[in-house]
């Protein structure tokens, strides 16, 4: 069974504390946005669209790979489940 993750708002950043592993992860504002939107049920394409709106950038291969890389890193650290 996975341990509980406690989230604490740190202004623009988000601190995630894994109780079972007694470890802390600090998400910068961009990673926090990906994490929050993914947890709200958005898929990577929708997350990219939201990021384009917020940061006023064009969608592209770099943004797609950055979003996917962030999601994969969060999954590898078990901060997002495969089925989230």
N, C-alpha and C. Protein backbone atom coordinates (compact mmCIF):
# COMPACT_ATOMS: atom_id res chain seq x y z
N UNK A 1 0.84 -1.18 0.00
CA UNK A 1 0.00 0.00 0.00
C UNK A 1 0.88 1.25 0.00
N UNK A 2 0.53 2.21 -0.83
CA UNK A 2 1.30 3.46 -0.91
C UNK A 2 1.04 4.30 0.34
N UNK A 3 2.06 5.03 0.74
CA UNK A 3 1.93 5.92 1.88
C UNK A 3 1.12 7.15 1.53
N UNK A 4 0.75 7.86 2.54
CA UNK A 4 -0.02 9.08 2.36
C UNK A 4 0.90 10.21 1.92
N UNK A 5 0.38 11.08 1.06
CA UNK A 5 1.11 12.26 0.64
C UNK A 5 0.38 13.48 1.19
N UNK A 6 1.10 14.28 1.93
CA UNK A 6 0.55 15.50 2.51
C UNK A 6 1.10 16.68 1.71
N UNK A 7 0.19 17.51 1.20
CA UNK A 7 0.59 18.68 0.41
C UNK A 7 0.49 19.93 1.26
N UNK A 8 1.51 20.78 1.17
CA UNK A 8 1.51 22.05 1.90
C UNK A 8 1.83 23.16 0.91
N UNK A 9 0.94 24.14 0.86
CA UNK A 9 1.11 25.29 -0.02
C UNK A 9 2.25 26.16 0.50
N UNK A 10 3.18 26.46 -0.40
CA UNK A 10 4.32 27.31 -0.06
C UNK A 10 4.35 28.49 -1.03
N UNK A 11 3.29 29.28 -1.05
CA UNK A 11 3.09 30.36 -2.01
C UNK A 11 3.01 29.78 -3.42
N UNK A 12 3.98 30.03 -4.28
CA UNK A 12 3.90 29.53 -5.65
C UNK A 12 4.41 28.10 -5.77
N UNK A 13 5.08 27.60 -4.75
CA UNK A 13 5.61 26.24 -4.76
C UNK A 13 4.69 25.33 -3.94
N UNK A 14 4.91 24.04 -4.07
CA UNK A 14 4.12 23.06 -3.34
C UNK A 14 5.07 22.04 -2.72
N UNK A 15 4.93 21.83 -1.42
CA UNK A 15 5.73 20.83 -0.73
C UNK A 15 4.88 19.58 -0.57
N UNK A 16 5.44 18.44 -0.98
CA UNK A 16 4.78 17.16 -0.83
C UNK A 16 5.58 16.32 0.15
N UNK A 17 4.91 15.83 1.19
CA UNK A 17 5.57 15.00 2.20
C UNK A 17 5.00 13.59 2.11
N UNK A 18 5.88 12.62 1.87
CA UNK A 18 5.49 11.22 1.82
C UNK A 18 5.68 10.63 3.22
N UNK A 19 4.58 10.27 3.86
CA UNK A 19 4.65 9.79 5.23
C UNK A 19 5.39 8.46 5.36
N UNK A 20 5.14 7.54 4.43
CA UNK A 20 5.75 6.22 4.53
C UNK A 20 7.26 6.27 4.34
N UNK A 21 7.73 7.09 3.41
CA UNK A 21 9.16 7.20 3.13
C UNK A 21 9.83 8.29 3.94
N UNK A 22 9.04 9.09 4.64
CA UNK A 22 9.55 10.24 5.40
C UNK A 22 10.44 11.11 4.50
N UNK A 23 9.89 11.43 3.31
CA UNK A 23 10.65 12.26 2.38
C UNK A 23 9.82 13.45 1.92
N UNK A 24 10.53 14.50 1.56
CA UNK A 24 9.91 15.76 1.17
C UNK A 24 10.32 16.09 -0.26
N UNK A 25 9.35 16.58 -1.04
CA UNK A 25 9.59 17.01 -2.41
C UNK A 25 9.05 18.43 -2.54
N UNK A 26 9.82 19.31 -3.12
CA UNK A 26 9.38 20.68 -3.33
C UNK A 26 9.22 20.90 -4.82
N UNK A 27 7.98 21.20 -5.23
CA UNK A 27 7.69 21.43 -6.64
C UNK A 27 7.76 22.92 -6.94
N UNK A 28 8.53 23.27 -7.96
CA UNK A 28 8.59 24.67 -8.38
C UNK A 28 7.24 25.04 -9.01
N UNK A 29 7.01 26.32 -9.30
CA UNK A 29 5.69 26.72 -9.82
C UNK A 29 5.25 25.97 -11.08
N UNK A 30 6.17 25.67 -11.97
CA UNK A 30 5.79 24.96 -13.20
C UNK A 30 5.41 23.52 -12.91
N UNK A 31 6.23 22.82 -12.13
CA UNK A 31 5.91 21.44 -11.76
C UNK A 31 4.64 21.39 -10.94
N UNK A 32 4.43 22.39 -10.09
CA UNK A 32 3.21 22.44 -9.30
C UNK A 32 1.99 22.55 -10.20
N UNK A 33 2.09 23.37 -11.24
CA UNK A 33 0.96 23.53 -12.16
C UNK A 33 0.65 22.21 -12.85
N UNK A 34 1.68 21.52 -13.32
CA UNK A 34 1.47 20.21 -13.96
C UNK A 34 0.82 19.25 -12.96
N UNK A 35 1.35 19.18 -11.75
CA UNK A 35 0.83 18.29 -10.70
C UNK A 35 -0.63 18.61 -10.41
N UNK A 36 -0.93 19.88 -10.14
CA UNK A 36 -2.30 20.28 -9.80
C UNK A 36 -3.29 19.97 -10.92
N UNK A 37 -2.93 20.33 -12.15
CA UNK A 37 -3.83 20.10 -13.27
C UNK A 37 -4.03 18.61 -13.54
N UNK A 38 -2.98 17.83 -13.40
CA UNK A 38 -3.09 16.39 -13.59
C UNK A 38 -3.99 15.78 -12.53
N UNK A 39 -3.83 16.22 -11.29
CA UNK A 39 -4.67 15.71 -10.20
C UNK A 39 -6.14 16.12 -10.37
N UNK A 40 -6.37 17.21 -11.12
CA UNK A 40 -7.74 17.64 -11.41
C UNK A 40 -8.37 16.84 -12.56
N UNK A 41 -7.59 15.95 -13.15
CA UNK A 41 -8.11 15.08 -14.19
C UNK A 41 -7.78 15.50 -15.61
N UNK A 42 -6.93 16.50 -15.76
CA UNK A 42 -6.56 16.92 -17.11
C UNK A 42 -5.52 15.99 -17.70
N UNK A 43 -5.61 15.79 -19.01
CA UNK A 43 -4.62 14.98 -19.70
C UNK A 43 -3.46 15.89 -20.13
N UNK A 44 -2.34 15.31 -20.58
CA UNK A 44 -1.18 16.14 -20.96
C UNK A 44 -1.48 17.22 -21.99
N UNK A 45 -2.33 16.94 -22.96
CA UNK A 45 -2.68 17.95 -23.97
C UNK A 45 -3.40 19.13 -23.33
N UNK A 46 -4.32 18.85 -22.44
CA UNK A 46 -5.04 19.93 -21.75
C UNK A 46 -4.10 20.73 -20.86
N UNK A 47 -3.16 20.05 -20.22
CA UNK A 47 -2.18 20.74 -19.38
C UNK A 47 -1.33 21.68 -20.23
N UNK A 48 -0.90 21.20 -21.40
CA UNK A 48 -0.12 22.05 -22.31
C UNK A 48 -0.91 23.29 -22.70
N UNK A 49 -2.19 23.13 -23.01
CA UNK A 49 -3.03 24.26 -23.39
C UNK A 49 -3.11 25.28 -22.26
N UNK A 50 -3.30 24.81 -21.03
CA UNK A 50 -3.36 25.72 -19.88
C UNK A 50 -2.04 26.44 -19.68
N UNK A 51 -0.94 25.74 -19.88
CA UNK A 51 0.38 26.36 -19.71
C UNK A 51 0.62 27.42 -20.80
N UNK A 52 0.18 27.13 -22.01
CA UNK A 52 0.31 28.10 -23.10
C UNK A 52 -0.45 29.38 -22.76
N UNK A 53 -1.65 29.21 -22.21
CA UNK A 53 -2.47 30.38 -21.83
C UNK A 53 -1.79 31.17 -20.71
N UNK A 54 -1.35 30.48 -19.68
CA UNK A 54 -0.78 31.16 -18.52
C UNK A 54 0.54 31.86 -18.85
N UNK A 55 1.41 31.17 -19.58
CA UNK A 55 2.74 31.71 -19.84
C UNK A 55 2.86 32.39 -21.20
N UNK A 56 1.76 32.43 -21.93
CA UNK A 56 1.70 33.09 -23.24
C UNK A 56 2.81 32.59 -24.17
N UNK A 57 2.86 31.28 -24.30
CA UNK A 57 3.83 30.65 -25.21
C UNK A 57 3.06 29.81 -26.22
N UNK A 58 3.73 29.45 -27.30
CA UNK A 58 3.14 28.57 -28.30
C UNK A 58 3.39 27.12 -27.91
N UNK A 59 2.41 26.30 -28.15
CA UNK A 59 2.57 24.87 -27.91
C UNK A 59 3.59 24.33 -28.91
N UNK A 60 4.31 23.34 -28.51
CA UNK A 60 5.30 22.76 -29.41
C UNK A 60 5.88 21.51 -28.83
N UNK A 61 6.82 20.94 -29.56
CA UNK A 61 7.44 19.70 -29.15
C UNK A 61 8.15 19.83 -27.80
N UNK A 62 8.83 20.96 -27.57
CA UNK A 62 9.53 21.16 -26.30
C UNK A 62 8.56 21.16 -25.12
N UNK A 63 7.46 21.89 -25.27
CA UNK A 63 6.47 21.96 -24.18
C UNK A 63 5.88 20.58 -23.94
N UNK A 64 5.54 19.87 -25.00
CA UNK A 64 4.98 18.53 -24.85
C UNK A 64 5.95 17.61 -24.11
N UNK A 65 7.21 17.62 -24.52
CA UNK A 65 8.19 16.74 -23.87
C UNK A 65 8.44 17.18 -22.44
N UNK A 66 8.39 18.48 -22.15
CA UNK A 66 8.57 18.97 -20.78
C UNK A 66 7.42 18.52 -19.88
N UNK A 67 6.19 18.63 -20.37
CA UNK A 67 5.03 18.20 -19.59
C UNK A 67 5.10 16.70 -19.35
N UNK A 68 5.37 15.93 -20.40
CA UNK A 68 5.45 14.48 -20.25
C UNK A 68 6.60 14.09 -19.32
N UNK A 69 7.73 14.78 -19.43
CA UNK A 69 8.86 14.49 -18.55
C UNK A 69 8.53 14.76 -17.09
N UNK A 70 7.82 15.84 -16.85
CA UNK A 70 7.42 16.18 -15.48
C UNK A 70 6.47 15.12 -14.92
N UNK A 71 5.47 14.74 -15.72
CA UNK A 71 4.52 13.71 -15.28
C UNK A 71 5.25 12.40 -14.99
N UNK A 72 6.15 12.01 -15.87
CA UNK A 72 6.89 10.76 -15.66
C UNK A 72 7.76 10.82 -14.41
N UNK A 73 8.38 11.97 -14.16
CA UNK A 73 9.20 12.10 -12.96
C UNK A 73 8.33 12.02 -11.70
N UNK A 74 7.18 12.67 -11.72
CA UNK A 74 6.27 12.60 -10.58
C UNK A 74 5.78 11.17 -10.37
N UNK A 75 5.52 10.46 -11.44
CA UNK A 75 5.11 9.05 -11.33
C UNK A 75 6.25 8.19 -10.79
N UNK A 76 7.47 8.42 -11.28
CA UNK A 76 8.60 7.60 -10.84
C UNK A 76 8.88 7.77 -9.35
N UNK A 77 8.54 8.95 -8.84
CA UNK A 77 8.71 9.21 -7.40
C UNK A 77 7.46 8.84 -6.62
N UNK A 78 6.48 8.25 -7.34
CA UNK A 78 5.22 7.80 -6.78
C UNK A 78 4.41 8.94 -6.15
N UNK A 79 4.57 10.14 -6.74
CA UNK A 79 3.77 11.28 -6.30
C UNK A 79 2.47 11.38 -7.10
N UNK A 80 2.46 10.74 -8.26
CA UNK A 80 1.27 10.55 -9.07
C UNK A 80 1.16 9.06 -9.36
N UNK A 81 -0.03 8.54 -9.25
CA UNK A 81 -0.23 7.14 -9.59
C UNK A 81 -0.39 6.97 -11.09
N UNK A 82 -0.17 5.77 -11.54
CA UNK A 82 -0.34 5.47 -12.96
C UNK A 82 -1.79 5.72 -13.37
N UNK A 83 -2.73 5.43 -12.49
CA UNK A 83 -4.15 5.57 -12.81
C UNK A 83 -4.76 6.89 -12.39
N UNK A 84 -3.94 7.86 -11.91
CA UNK A 84 -4.49 9.17 -11.51
C UNK A 84 -5.12 9.85 -12.70
